[in-house]
């Protein structure tokens, strides 16, 4: 396993060799990594359930508790398809 210090050194060396255009792309990419933690992204879902009818809302909420109590497989890993 590569140490964080060594990884940072390798990344810095690679960044030093980039063209200006690629540096701008790298900056945009790094900004996209940070954007996932912004409060605004989470708030964009605010009110999304507002238009649901009562029956659908109950299925999502009350039905969720019942589904969690069952012993069904929640996630399939890739090996289950072999």
C-alpha atoms as a PDB file:
ATOM      1  CA  UNK A   1       0.000   0.000   0.000  1.00  0.00           C
ATOM      2  CA  UNK A   2       1.329   3.382  -0.985  1.00  0.00           C
ATOM      3  CA  UNK A   3       1.760   5.967   1.752  1.00  0.00           C
ATOM      4  CA  UNK A   4      -0.096   9.270   1.578  1.00  0.00           C
ATOM      5  CA  UNK A   5       3.211  11.144   1.534  1.00  0.00           C
ATOM      6  CA  UNK A   6       4.474   9.145  -1.454  1.00  0.00           C
ATOM      7  CA  UNK A   7       1.159   9.483  -3.267  1.00  0.00           C
ATOM      8  CA  UNK A   8       1.161  13.261  -2.829  1.00  0.00           C
ATOM      9  CA  UNK A   9       4.712  13.402  -4.182  1.00  0.00           C
ATOM     10  CA  UNK A  10       3.728  11.366  -7.252  1.00  0.00           C
ATOM     11  CA  UNK A  11       0.679  13.534  -7.880  1.00  0.00           C
ATOM     12  CA  UNK A  12       2.704  16.743  -7.576  1.00  0.00           C
ATOM     13  CA  UNK A  13       5.232  15.427 -10.083  1.00  0.00           C
ATOM     14  CA  UNK A  14       2.476  14.550 -12.538  1.00  0.00           C
ATOM     15  CA  UNK A  15       0.766  17.926 -12.082  1.00  0.00           C
ATOM     16  CA  UNK A  16       4.049  19.744 -12.722  1.00  0.00           C
ATOM     17  CA  UNK A  17       4.171  18.131 -16.162  1.00  0.00           C
ATOM     18  CA  UNK A  18       0.669  19.165 -17.251  1.00  0.00           C
ATOM     19  CA  UNK A  19      -0.092  21.765 -19.882  1.00  0.00           C
ATOM     20  CA  UNK A  20      -2.063  24.870 -18.950  1.00  0.00           C
ATOM     21  CA  UNK A  21      -5.215  23.421 -20.517  1.00  0.00           C
ATOM     22  CA  UNK A  22      -4.851  20.189 -18.555  1.00  0.00           C
ATOM     23  CA  UNK A  23      -4.227  22.170 -15.366  1.00  0.00           C
ATOM     24  CA  UNK A  24      -7.540  23.945 -15.905  1.00  0.00           C
ATOM     25  CA  UNK A  25      -9.234  20.568 -16.396  1.00  0.00           C
ATOM     26  CA  UNK A  26      -7.585  19.327 -13.210  1.00  0.00           C
ATOM     27  CA  UNK A  27      -8.868  22.358 -11.309  1.00  0.00           C
ATOM     28  CA  UNK A  28     -12.430  21.733 -12.536  1.00  0.00           C
ATOM     29  CA  UNK A  29     -12.143  18.090 -11.547  1.00  0.00           C
ATOM     30  CA  UNK A  30     -10.918  18.957  -8.062  1.00  0.00           C
ATOM     31  CA  UNK A  31     -13.749  21.449  -7.653  1.00  0.00           C
ATOM     32  CA  UNK A  32     -16.217  18.716  -8.594  1.00  0.00           C
ATOM     33  CA  UNK A  33     -14.795  16.529  -5.817  1.00  0.00           C
ATOM     34  CA  UNK A  34     -15.435  19.291  -3.284  1.00  0.00           C
ATOM     35  CA  UNK A  35     -18.933  20.106  -4.536  1.00  0.00           C
ATOM     36  CA  UNK A  36     -20.399  16.864  -3.153  1.00  0.00           C
ATOM     37  CA  UNK A  37     -20.183  18.165   0.382  1.00  0.00           C
ATOM     38  CA  UNK A  38     -21.935  21.482  -0.166  1.00  0.00           C
ATOM     39  CA  UNK A  39     -25.092  22.206   1.779  1.00  0.00           C
ATOM     40  CA  UNK A  40     -26.834  23.417  -1.380  1.00  0.00           C
ATOM     41  CA  UNK A  41     -26.562  19.992  -2.980  1.00  0.00           C
ATOM     42  CA  UNK A  42     -28.432  18.436  -0.089  1.00  0.00           C
ATOM     43  CA  UNK A  43     -31.025  21.168  -0.012  1.00  0.00           C
ATOM     44  CA  UNK A  44     -31.767  20.607  -3.684  1.00  0.00           C
ATOM     45  CA  UNK A  45     -33.853  17.611  -2.562  1.00  0.00           C
ATOM     46  CA  UNK A  46     -35.926  19.724  -0.171  1.00  0.00           C
ATOM     47  CA  UNK A  47     -39.629  19.420  -0.902  1.00  0.00           C
ATOM     48  CA  UNK A  48     -39.176  16.630  -3.434  1.00  0.00           C
ATOM     49  CA  UNK A  49     -41.765  14.483  -1.627  1.00  0.00           C
ATOM     50  CA  UNK A  50     -44.256  17.323  -1.416  1.00  0.00           C
ATOM     51  CA  UNK A  51     -46.181  16.283  -4.530  1.00  0.00           C
ATOM     52  CA  UNK A  52     -46.609  12.634  -3.457  1.00  0.00           C
ATOM     53  CA  UNK A  53     -50.122  11.474  -2.715  1.00  0.00           C
ATOM     54  CA  UNK A  54     -50.813  10.064   0.765  1.00  0.00           C
ATOM     55  CA  UNK A  55     -50.834   6.420  -0.345  1.00  0.00           C
ATOM     56  CA  UNK A  56     -47.447   6.655  -2.045  1.00  0.00           C
ATOM     57  CA  UNK A  57     -45.972   8.526   0.910  1.00  0.00           C
ATOM     58  CA  UNK A  58     -47.196   5.821   3.308  1.00  0.00           C
ATOM     59  CA  UNK A  59     -45.669   3.131   1.093  1.00  0.00           C
ATOM     60  CA  UNK A  60     -42.304   4.889   1.144  1.00  0.00           C
ATOM     61  CA  UNK A  61     -42.316   5.524   4.884  1.00  0.00           C
ATOM     62  CA  UNK A  62     -44.349   2.847   6.659  1.00  0.00           C
ATOM     63  CA  UNK A  63     -43.595   0.248   4.021  1.00  0.00           C
ATOM     64  CA  UNK A  64     -39.897   0.970   4.420  1.00  0.00           C
ATOM     65  CA  UNK A  65     -39.929  -0.148   8.038  1.00  0.00           C
ATOM     66  CA  UNK A  66     -41.657  -3.402   7.088  1.00  0.00           C
ATOM     67  CA  UNK A  67     -39.241  -4.054   4.212  1.00  0.00           C
ATOM     68  CA  UNK A  68     -36.268  -3.548   6.513  1.00  0.00           C
ATOM     69  CA  UNK A  69     -37.627  -6.207   8.867  1.00  0.00           C
ATOM     70  CA  UNK A  70     -37.652  -8.858   6.160  1.00  0.00           C
ATOM     71  CA  UNK A  71     -34.662 -11.104   5.536  1.00  0.00           C
ATOM     72  CA  UNK A  72     -34.185 -10.275   1.890  1.00  0.00           C
ATOM     73  CA  UNK A  73     -30.901  -9.485   0.169  1.00  0.00           C
ATOM     74  CA  UNK A  74     -30.359  -5.734   0.147  1.00  0.00           C
ATOM     75  CA  UNK A  75     -27.499  -5.537  -2.337  1.00  0.00           C
ATOM     76  CA  UNK A  76     -26.128  -7.990  -4.848  1.00  0.00           C
ATOM     77  CA  UNK A  77     -22.414  -8.128  -5.420  1.00  0.00           C
ATOM     78  CA  UNK A  78     -20.947  -8.754  -8.852  1.00  0.00           C
ATOM     79  CA  UNK A  79     -19.955 -12.335  -7.998  1.00  0.00           C
ATOM     80  CA  UNK A  80     -23.612 -13.326  -7.662  1.00  0.00           C
ATOM     81  CA  UNK A  81     -24.012 -13.027 -11.433  1.00  0.00           C
ATOM     82  CA  UNK A  82     -21.327 -15.598 -12.334  1.00  0.00           C
END
